[in-house]
Amino acid sequence: MEPASPPSPAPDAEPPRSEAPGGGSARRRRRRAAIAALVVAILAAAVAAVVLLAPPAIRREIIAEARARGVALDPGAVDLGLGAIRLRGARFSLLGVRGLSGTIARATIELRGLSPARIAAEDVAITAAGVDALEGLPAWAAQHGARAAELPLAASRVRVGYRDHEGAPEVFALADTAVRRGAAGAGQRAAGPQPGAPPPETGVLRQARVLVAGEEVARTDVAWSLGAASLSLGFGGGDVPSAPVRAELRPLPSPSAKLELAPAPLPAIATFLGLDVGASPVIVAGTVDLRLAGGADRAALSAAPLDGAVALTLKGFTFPHPKELDGLLFGDTTTFKADVHLPADRQRVALSRVEVAAGALKLGGAGEIQRAGADASIGMDLSGSVPCSLLAGSAAKAHLTGVVGVLAGDLARRALAGSVSVQVRVDARASRLTAARVTPRAILHCKVRL
């Protein structure tokens, strides 16, 4: 039996071919393409993971960075960009400062690597409710000011408002202003701090609309200075010391506030206070000091009654008077002093121990200032006495000139005794001081010397 022969190939089968030159390269290219596709897929997955998972991590980092600078921040919506992070609808407050909060409509945080390098914000609204909010700022500046100032800041359409307490109408606001601050050490620190104390942070709110009870009273630059011991504002100057109207709050050892009017033309001062005094040549200077009333509860500072004192000097002003009183109202300066008391509702100011002096005329009494929105009514009852001899001598000199007037005045002073009681009622509106109504009354108690 013969062995079976091997099967013959099918008629249509092609004989095996040897691999063409370069076949290994093609296979390597396909392998590299597959690896590249895999890498792209991995990168796409990583990008998707960043998009989906990074915002919570970035939010936590933003919150931590803000907290390290003394700010409790709710970032709102967070958008990632190339070299920047954008926030929408953010809210914030300052650590340890009661009654102060704010919102930011839009903010861009520019990055240098993974660290914030600059902040640009738009539509920033800050609200301070009660004096407590202002009292906490110096302590905040002492603890966090230097770190916060390391980050350059530019903010537009800024509004800062103050109200007596939460839910109360706004009393005072600075609106539609801009803030620009460079990094610490770039001219944003005031010179000459107390030895051992950090220098105060300073800046300017440019061309702020000054509103009182919702009514605009001025538009001016408002300088600010925030240090470890005080918060100061300067209205109408590029820095606090040069401003014609300056306000300072000092929380320690007991809360106190001071308003200072630099020697300046009365119209310039009145403009910042929303008053109409016309084209007056009077130069005004003075101070208003306020402090907690005796026995007031510091813990409830916003509702605590306040005591204080006011002192004003008006150079170039004397009371309107007949020429017969020229000898009494000599000189061109009038001074005004009074003790003040503000009750907890802050709606009125009681004036006591009022002293008004012009030349030899000295009046004393009491009065009240009643708040009415952006305006106020002023009422005072003043009284005093003038020796009949001085009044007669002044009248004689007014009608007789030269040596005759001097002799007549001297004779009148020798001949008359007693005094003239002077009573003056003053009624005015703060917004129209030039229209003040002054009602004088005199009672003679004169007699001839025998």
Protein backbone atom coordinates (compact mmCIF):
# COMPACT_ATOMS: atom_id res chain seq x y z
CA MET A 1 0.00 0.00 0.00
CA GLU A 2 1.50 3.28 -1.00
CA PRO A 3 1.57 6.21 1.38
CA ALA A 4 -0.90 9.07 0.73
CA SER A 5 0.56 11.99 -1.06
CA PRO A 6 0.24 15.51 0.48
CA PRO A 7 -2.81 17.57 -0.59
CA SER A 8 -2.22 19.83 -3.48
CA PRO A 9 -2.90 23.52 -3.02
CA ALA A 10 -6.25 24.91 -4.02
CA PRO A 11 -6.31 26.31 -7.48
CA ASP A 12 -7.11 29.94 -6.27
CA ALA A 13 -4.65 30.05 -3.34
CA GLU A 14 -1.73 32.47 -3.68
CA PRO A 15 1.71 31.31 -2.76
CA PRO A 16 3.07 32.92 0.46
CA ARG A 17 5.00 36.20 -0.03
CA SER A 18 7.95 37.42 1.84
CA GLU A 19 7.42 40.67 3.94
CA ALA A 20 8.06 43.76 1.91
CA PRO A 21 10.90 46.02 3.00
CA GLY A 22 9.72 48.71 5.52
CA GLY A 23 6.80 46.63 6.87
CA GLY A 24 8.18 46.88 10.44
CA SER A 25 8.21 50.69 10.23
CA ALA A 26 4.52 50.79 9.34
CA ARG A 27 3.73 48.59 12.27
CA ARG A 28 5.74 50.87 14.55
CA ARG A 29 3.89 53.91 13.19
CA ARG A 30 0.57 52.27 13.90
CA ARG A 31 1.76 51.42 17.38
CA ARG A 32 2.88 55.04 18.02
CA ALA A 33 -0.45 56.31 16.70
CA ALA A 34 -2.26 54.01 19.10
CA ILE A 35 -0.09 55.23 21.98
CA ALA A 36 -0.68 58.88 20.99
CA ALA A 37 -4.41 58.26 20.86
CA LEU A 38 -4.20 56.72 24.30
CA VAL A 39 -2.22 59.71 25.62
CA VAL A 40 -4.77 62.11 24.12
CA ALA A 41 -7.54 60.12 25.74
CA ILE A 42 -5.74 60.24 29.08
CA LEU A 43 -5.15 64.01 28.73
CA ALA A 44 -8.78 64.54 27.76
CA ALA A 45 -9.81 62.57 30.81
CA ALA A 46 -7.44 64.65 32.94
CA VAL A 47 -8.85 67.91 31.52
CA ALA A 48 -12.35 66.65 32.15
CA ALA A 49 -11.32 65.77 35.70
CA VAL A 50 -9.87 69.28 36.17
CA VAL A 51 -13.04 70.86 34.81
CA LEU A 52 -15.23 68.69 37.00
CA LEU A 53 -13.12 68.32 40.11
CA ALA A 54 -10.79 71.39 40.26
CA PRO A 55 -13.36 74.15 41.05
CA PRO A 56 -14.04 72.78 44.57
CA ALA A 57 -10.28 72.58 45.19
CA ILE A 58 -9.73 76.05 43.74
CA ARG A 59 -12.60 77.44 45.82
CA ARG A 60 -10.98 76.02 48.94
CA GLU A 61 -7.65 77.59 47.96
CA ILE A 62 -9.27 80.98 47.27
CA ILE A 63 -11.06 80.88 50.61
CA ALA A 64 -7.83 79.93 52.40
CA GLU A 65 -5.81 82.70 50.68
CA ALA A 66 -8.46 85.29 51.61
CA ARG A 67 -8.62 84.07 55.21
CA ALA A 68 -4.85 84.35 55.51
CA ARG A 69 -5.33 88.04 54.68
CA GLY A 70 -8.08 88.55 57.27
CA VAL A 71 -11.05 88.20 54.90
CA ALA A 72 -13.88 85.67 55.22
CA LEU A 73 -14.83 85.12 51.56
CA ASP A 74 -17.63 83.31 49.77
CA PRO A 75 -16.26 83.32 46.18
CA GLY A 76 -19.64 82.83 44.48
CA ALA A 77 -19.29 81.43 40.95
CA VAL A 78 -15.69 80.53 40.01
CA ASP A 79 -14.51 80.53 36.38
CA LEU A 80 -11.08 79.28 35.34
CA GLY A 81 -9.12 81.14 32.70
CA LEU A 82 -5.62 81.31 31.27
CA GLY A 83 -3.49 82.75 34.07
CA ALA A 84 -6.50 84.08 35.97
CA ILE A 85 -9.48 83.11 38.07
CA ARG A 86 -12.76 85.02 37.81
CA LEU A 87 -15.35 85.34 40.55
CA ARG A 88 -18.97 86.35 40.16
CA GLY A 89 -21.32 87.27 42.99
CA ALA A 90 -18.75 87.06 45.80
CA ARG A 91 -19.53 88.05 49.39
CA PHE A 92 -17.07 88.92 52.15
CA SER A 93 -16.55 90.21 55.67
CA LEU A 94 -13.48 91.04 57.76
CA LEU A 95 -12.42 88.62 60.47
CA GLY A 96 -13.15 90.01 63.92
CA VAL A 97 -15.04 93.09 62.62
CA ARG A 98 -18.70 92.97 63.59
CA GLY A 99 -21.30 94.63 61.41
CA LEU A 100 -19.15 95.03 58.29
CA SER A 101 -19.89 93.05 55.12
CA GLY A 102 -19.65 93.47 51.38
CA THR A 103 -20.38 92.08 47.94
CA ILE A 104 -18.37 91.98 44.71
CA ALA A 105 -20.23 91.60 41.43
CA ARG A 106 -17.13 90.62 39.43
CA ALA A 107 -13.47 90.08 40.30
CA THR A 108 -10.43 88.86 38.37
CA ILE A 109 -7.55 87.31 40.30
CA GLU A 110 -4.43 87.35 38.15
CA LEU A 111 -2.00 84.53 38.90
CA ARG A 112 1.76 84.29 38.99
CA GLY A 113 2.29 80.58 38.85
CA LEU A 114 -0.20 79.27 41.36
CA SER A 115 -0.18 82.38 43.59
CA PRO A 116 -2.42 85.47 43.34
CA ALA A 117 -0.56 88.46 41.87
CA ARG A 118 -3.25 91.14 41.48
CA ILE A 119 -6.98 91.67 41.99
CA ALA A 120 -9.29 93.77 39.83
CA ALA A 121 -12.85 94.14 41.11
CA GLU A 122 -16.01 95.81 39.78
CA ASP A 123 -19.22 96.90 41.51
CA VAL A 124 -18.05 96.57 45.10
CA ALA A 125 -20.56 97.39 47.87
CA ILE A 126 -19.45 97.64 51.52
CA THR A 127 -21.90 98.17 54.40
CA ALA A 128 -20.98 99.13 57.96
CA ALA A 129 -23.81 98.76 60.49
CA GLY A 130 -23.26 100.55 63.77
CA VAL A 131 -20.20 102.11 65.32
CA ASP A 132 -19.08 98.61 66.28
CA ALA A 133 -18.16 98.00 62.63
CA LEU A 134 -15.83 101.00 62.61
CA GLU A 135 -14.42 100.20 66.04
CA GLY A 136 -13.11 96.80 64.90
CA LEU A 137 -11.16 98.10 61.90
CA PRO A 138 -7.99 99.33 63.67
CA ALA A 139 -7.53 95.97 65.42
CA TRP A 140 -8.06 94.21 62.09
CA ALA A 141 -5.44 96.45 60.46
CA ALA A 142 -2.94 95.69 63.22
CA GLN A 143 -3.37 91.94 62.73
CA HIS A 144 -3.97 91.56 59.00
CA GLY A 145 -3.21 94.89 57.31
CA ALA A 146 0.39 94.19 56.31
CA ARG A 147 -0.46 90.82 54.70
CA ALA A 148 -3.56 92.20 52.96
CA ALA A 149 -1.54 95.09 51.52
CA GLU A 150 0.89 92.73 49.78
CA LEU A 151 -1.63 92.17 46.99
CA PRO A 152 -2.17 95.05 44.49
CA LEU A 153 -5.84 96.00 44.17
CA ALA A 154 -7.89 98.00 41.69
CA ALA A 155 -11.63 98.40 42.30
CA SER A 156 -14.15 100.40 40.27
CA ARG A 157 -17.72 101.47 41.02
CA VAL A 158 -17.19 101.18 44.77
CA ARG A 159 -19.86 102.12 47.33
CA VAL A 160 -19.26 102.36 51.09
CA GLY A 161 -22.34 102.91 53.25
CA TYR A 162 -22.98 103.41 56.96
CA ARG A 163 -26.19 102.87 58.92
CA ASP A 164 -26.88 103.12 62.66
CA HIS A 165 -27.74 99.42 62.96
CA GLU A 166 -28.81 96.44 60.85
CA GLY A 167 -32.05 97.20 59.04
CA ALA A 168 -31.85 100.95 59.67
CA PRO A 169 -31.86 103.48 56.79
CA GLU A 170 -28.48 104.42 55.38
CA VAL A 171 -27.13 107.53 57.09
CA PHE A 172 -23.97 108.19 55.09
CA ALA A 173 -22.39 106.80 51.93
CA LEU A 174 -19.46 107.28 49.56
CA ALA A 175 -20.59 106.10 46.13
CA ASP A 176 -19.41 105.72 42.52
CA THR A 177 -15.77 105.91 43.47
CA ALA A 178 -12.62 103.98 42.58
CA VAL A 179 -9.78 102.52 44.66
CA ARG A 180 -6.31 101.71 43.41
CA ARG A 181 -3.62 100.36 45.70
CA GLY A 182 -0.18 99.09 44.84
CA ALA A 183 1.72 96.47 46.79
CA ALA A 184 2.84 97.36 50.30
CA GLY A 185 5.89 99.58 50.24
CA ALA A 186 4.82 101.33 47.01
CA GLY A 187 3.86 104.58 48.63
CA GLN A 188 0.67 103.30 50.24
CA ARG A 189 1.92 103.60 53.80
CA ALA A 190 1.74 106.80 55.79
CA ALA A 191 4.99 108.20 57.10
CA GLY A 192 5.84 108.67 60.72
CA PRO A 193 4.08 105.84 62.61
CA GLN A 194 4.45 105.45 66.33
CA PRO A 195 7.73 103.71 67.26
CA GLY A 196 7.25 99.95 67.22
CA ALA A 197 3.84 100.17 65.51
CA PRO A 198 3.21 99.10 61.91
CA PRO A 199 2.65 102.04 59.55
CA PRO A 200 -1.01 102.70 58.75
CA GLU A 201 -2.47 101.72 55.39
CA THR A 202 -3.56 104.74 53.36
CA GLY A 203 -5.43 105.39 50.14
CA VAL A 204 -7.86 107.67 48.36
CA LEU A 205 -11.42 107.13 47.17
CA ARG A 206 -11.37 109.12 43.94
CA GLN A 207 -14.20 111.59 43.26
CA ALA A 208 -16.64 109.90 45.61
CA ARG A 209 -20.24 111.04 45.73
CA VAL A 210 -20.85 112.00 49.37
CA LEU A 211 -24.43 111.14 50.31
CA VAL A 212 -26.22 111.99 53.56
CA ALA A 213 -29.55 110.20 54.06
CA GLY A 214 -29.57 109.38 50.35
CA GLU A 215 -29.01 112.96 49.16
CA GLU A 216 -25.76 113.96 47.47
CA VAL A 217 -24.04 116.82 49.27
CA ALA A 218 -20.62 116.81 47.58
CA ARG A 219 -18.34 115.03 45.14
CA THR A 220 -14.72 114.95 46.21
CA ASP A 221 -11.68 112.82 46.90
CA VAL A 222 -11.83 111.11 50.29
CA ALA A 223 -8.49 110.04 51.77
CA TRP A 224 -8.35 107.28 54.37
CA SER A 225 -5.81 106.04 56.83
CA LEU A 226 -6.23 102.78 58.76
CA GLY A 227 -3.74 102.09 61.52
CA ALA A 228 -3.44 99.97 64.64
CA ALA A 229 -4.92 102.71 66.84
CA SER A 230 -7.31 104.69 64.65
CA LEU A 231 -9.35 105.02 61.47
CA SER A 232 -9.21 108.43 59.77
CA LEU A 233 -10.99 110.03 56.81
CA GLY A 234 -10.03 113.27 55.06
CA PHE A 235 -12.56 115.01 52.83
CA GLY A 236 -11.23 117.14 49.99
CA GLY A 237 -7.55 116.24 50.10
CA GLY A 238 -5.08 113.81 48.60
CA ASP A 239 -4.18 112.64 52.10
CA VAL A 240 -5.75 112.92 55.54
CA PRO A 241 -3.43 115.59 57.05
CA SER A 242 -4.00 118.06 54.19
CA ALA A 243 -7.81 117.63 53.99
CA PRO A 244 -9.95 120.56 55.20
CA VAL A 245 -12.41 118.19 56.95
CA ARG A 246 -10.95 115.29 58.94
CA ALA A 247 -12.63 112.59 61.02
CA GLU A 248 -10.85 110.15 63.31
CA LEU A 249 -12.12 107.16 65.33
CA ARG A 250 -10.03 105.76 68.21
CA PRO A 251 -11.41 102.61 69.88
CA LEU A 252 -8.97 102.41 72.81
CA PRO A 253 -8.80 102.83 75.74
CA SER A 254 -12.42 103.93 75.38
CA PRO A 255 -14.14 104.57 72.02
CA SER A 256 -13.86 108.19 70.93
CA ALA A 257 -14.28 110.16 67.72
CA LYS A 258 -13.00 113.53 66.59
CA LEU A 259 -14.08 115.78 63.73
CA GLU A 260 -11.58 118.50 62.88
CA LEU A 261 -12.09 121.50 60.61
CA ALA A 262 -8.82 122.96 59.39
CA PRO A 263 -8.65 126.75 59.02
CA ALA A 264 -10.38 127.11 55.65
CA PRO A 265 -12.97 129.33 53.94
CA LEU A 266 -16.44 128.60 55.29
CA PRO A 267 -17.91 127.79 51.83
CA ALA A 268 -15.25 125.09 51.32
CA ILE A 269 -16.09 123.48 54.68
CA ALA A 270 -19.83 123.86 54.15
CA THR A 271 -19.69 122.11 50.79
CA PHE A 272 -18.46 118.87 52.37
CA LEU A 273 -21.17 119.11 55.04
CA GLY A 274 -23.96 119.82 52.55
CA LEU A 275 -24.57 123.35 53.85
CA ASP A 276 -25.35 126.57 51.99
CA VAL A 277 -23.53 129.61 53.35
CA GLY A 278 -23.25 131.64 50.16
CA ALA A 279 -20.06 133.46 49.15
CA SER A 280 -18.80 134.04 52.68
CA PRO A 281 -15.28 135.39 53.41
CA VAL A 282 -15.31 133.81 56.89
CA ILE A 283 -12.47 131.46 57.84
CA VAL A 284 -13.62 128.63 60.10
CA ALA A 285 -11.65 126.22 62.30
CA GLY A 286 -12.63 123.94 65.13
CA THR A 287 -13.13 120.50 66.59
CA VAL A 288 -15.94 118.18 67.66
CA ASP A 289 -14.99 115.49 70.19
CA LEU A 290 -17.27 112.57 71.09
CA ARG A 291 -16.93 109.77 73.63
CA LEU A 292 -19.09 107.18 75.38
CA ALA A 293 -21.47 108.76 77.89
CA GLY A 294 -20.78 107.91 81.52
CA GLY A 295 -22.12 104.46 82.37
CA ALA A 296 -22.76 103.54 78.72
CA ASP A 297 -22.33 99.89 77.77
CA ARG A 298 -19.32 99.49 75.49
CA ALA A 299 -20.65 96.12 74.32
CA ALA A 300 -23.66 97.89 72.81
CA LEU A 301 -21.71 100.75 71.27
CA SER A 302 -24.10 101.25 68.34
CA ALA A 303 -26.92 102.12 70.74
CA ALA A 304 -24.86 103.86 73.43
CA PRO A 305 -25.43 107.55 74.22
CA LEU A 306 -22.47 109.83 73.50
CA ASP A 307 -21.11 112.93 75.19
CA GLY A 308 -18.65 115.44 73.84
CA ALA A 309 -17.69 119.02 73.16
CA VAL A 310 -17.60 121.37 70.22
CA ALA A 311 -15.33 124.39 69.75
CA LEU A 312 -15.45 126.66 66.69
CA THR A 313 -13.68 129.87 65.69
CA LEU A 314 -15.15 132.09 62.97
CA LYS A 315 -12.64 134.67 61.79
CA GLY A 316 -14.23 137.49 59.81
CA PHE A 317 -17.64 137.12 61.46
CA THR A 318 -19.43 139.10 64.16
CA PHE A 319 -23.12 139.23 64.99
CA PRO A 320 -25.17 141.64 62.89
CA HIS A 321 -25.57 144.67 65.14
CA PRO A 322 -26.23 148.42 65.08
CA LYS A 323 -23.24 150.69 65.02
CA GLU A 324 -23.92 151.69 68.63
CA LEU A 325 -22.51 148.29 69.63
CA ASP A 326 -19.26 148.60 67.66
CA GLY A 327 -17.44 149.39 70.89
CA LEU A 328 -18.59 146.06 72.34
CA LEU A 329 -18.31 143.81 69.30
CA PHE A 330 -14.76 144.82 68.49
CA GLY A 331 -12.44 142.64 66.46
CA ASP A 332 -13.48 140.27 63.68
CA THR A 333 -13.63 136.90 65.47
CA THR A 334 -16.49 135.00 67.08
CA THR A 335 -15.98 131.85 69.15
CA PHE A 336 -18.53 129.15 69.95
CA LYS A 337 -18.20 126.42 72.60
CA ALA A 338 -20.70 123.88 73.89
CA ASP A 339 -21.06 120.49 75.49
CA VAL A 340 -23.03 118.01 73.39
CA HIS A 341 -25.06 114.89 74.16
CA LEU A 342 -26.30 112.37 71.57
CA PRO A 343 -28.96 109.93 72.83
CA ALA A 344 -29.06 106.33 71.67
CA ASP A 345 -31.44 107.08 68.76
CA ARG A 346 -28.96 109.61 67.27
CA GLN A 347 -31.88 111.78 66.11
CA ARG A 348 -30.97 114.91 68.04
CA VAL A 349 -28.02 116.67 69.65
CA ALA A 350 -28.55 118.44 72.97
CA LEU A 351 -26.34 121.52 73.46
CA SER A 352 -25.54 122.65 76.98
CA ARG A 353 -23.14 125.16 78.54
CA VAL A 354 -23.15 127.09 75.28
CA GLU A 355 -20.70 129.99 75.20
CA VAL A 356 -20.66 132.55 72.39
CA ALA A 357 -18.14 135.38 72.55
CA ALA A 358 -17.51 138.30 70.22
CA GLY A 359 -15.42 141.16 71.56
CA ALA A 360 -16.82 142.16 74.95
CA LEU A 361 -20.19 140.48 74.31
CA LYS A 362 -20.48 137.08 75.93
CA LEU A 363 -23.63 134.97 75.78
CA GLY A 364 -24.45 131.61 77.30
CA GLY A 365 -27.33 129.17 77.15
CA ALA A 366 -28.53 125.91 75.66
CA GLY A 367 -29.97 124.53 72.47
CA GLU A 368 -30.79 121.52 70.36
CA ILE A 369 -30.07 120.17 66.88
CA GLN A 370 -32.83 117.91 65.51
CA ARG A 371 -31.94 115.59 62.63
CA ALA A 372 -34.30 115.53 59.64
CA GLY A 373 -32.88 113.25 56.93
CA ALA A 374 -29.95 115.02 55.30
CA ASP A 375 -30.89 118.28 57.01
CA ALA A 376 -31.22 119.45 60.59
CA SER A 377 -33.00 122.18 62.52
CA ILE A 378 -31.06 124.27 65.04
CA GLY A 379 -32.53 126.16 67.97
CA MET A 380 -30.66 128.03 70.72
CA ASP A 381 -31.63 130.35 73.58
CA LEU A 382 -28.76 132.58 74.65
CA SER A 383 -28.52 135.28 77.23
CA GLY A 384 -25.99 137.57 78.81
CA SER A 385 -25.52 140.99 80.26
CA VAL A 386 -23.66 144.10 79.24
CA PRO A 387 -22.65 146.84 81.70
CA CYS A 388 -24.62 149.97 81.01
CA SER A 389 -21.42 151.97 81.19
CA LEU A 390 -19.86 150.00 78.31
CA LEU A 391 -23.03 150.19 76.23
CA ALA A 392 -23.35 153.94 76.73
CA GLY A 393 -19.69 154.50 75.97
CA SER A 394 -19.96 152.48 72.75
CA ALA A 395 -23.05 154.39 71.68
CA ALA A 396 -21.42 157.76 72.39
CA LYS A 397 -18.38 156.87 70.26
CA ALA A 398 -20.65 155.74 67.44
CA HIS A 399 -22.31 159.15 67.15
CA LEU A 400 -19.50 161.49 68.19
CA THR A 401 -16.08 161.49 66.62
CA GLY A 402 -12.64 162.53 67.72
CA VAL A 403 -11.90 163.90 71.15
CA VAL A 404 -15.56 164.73 71.75
CA GLY A 405 -16.55 161.09 71.29
CA VAL A 406 -13.84 159.91 73.66
CA LEU A 407 -14.87 162.42 76.33
CA ALA A 408 -18.58 161.64 75.91
CA GLY A 409 -17.91 157.94 76.16
CA ASP A 410 -15.82 158.39 79.28
CA LEU A 411 -18.53 160.58 80.84
CA ALA A 412 -21.23 158.00 80.02
CA ARG A 413 -19.20 155.20 81.58
CA ARG A 414 -18.77 157.23 84.76
CA ALA A 415 -22.39 158.32 84.93
CA LEU A 416 -24.20 155.01 84.41
CA ALA A 417 -24.39 151.92 86.59
CA GLY A 418 -26.27 148.64 86.23
CA SER A 419 -26.50 146.35 83.23
CA VAL A 420 -28.49 145.50 80.15
CA SER A 421 -29.86 141.96 79.98
CA VAL A 422 -29.53 140.57 76.46
CA GLN A 423 -31.57 137.57 75.28
CA VAL A 424 -31.17 136.04 71.82
CA ARG A 425 -33.23 133.28 70.18
CA VAL A 426 -31.62 131.57 67.17
CA ASP A 427 -33.59 129.38 64.73
CA ALA A 428 -31.95 127.94 61.62
CA ARG A 429 -31.73 125.05 59.20
CA ALA A 430 -28.34 123.45 58.64
CA SER A 431 -28.88 123.56 54.86
CA ARG A 432 -29.67 127.32 54.94
CA LEU A 433 -27.52 128.89 57.62
CA THR A 434 -27.55 132.22 55.80
CA ALA A 435 -31.31 132.41 56.39
CA ALA A 436 -31.04 131.93 60.16
CA ARG A 437 -33.56 133.92 62.21
CA VAL A 438 -32.01 135.78 65.15
CA THR A 439 -34.46 137.39 67.59
CA PRO A 440 -32.77 139.70 70.12
CA ARG A 441 -34.32 141.23 73.20
CA ALA A 442 -32.82 143.70 75.67
CA ILE A 443 -33.98 144.64 79.16
CA LEU A 444 -32.47 147.79 80.67
CA HIS A 445 -31.41 147.85 84.30
CA CYS A 446 -29.42 151.06 84.10
CA LYS A 447 -29.31 153.89 86.62
CA VAL A 448 -27.41 157.12 87.00
CA ARG A 449 -24.60 157.19 89.53
CA LEU A 450 -25.15 159.84 92.17
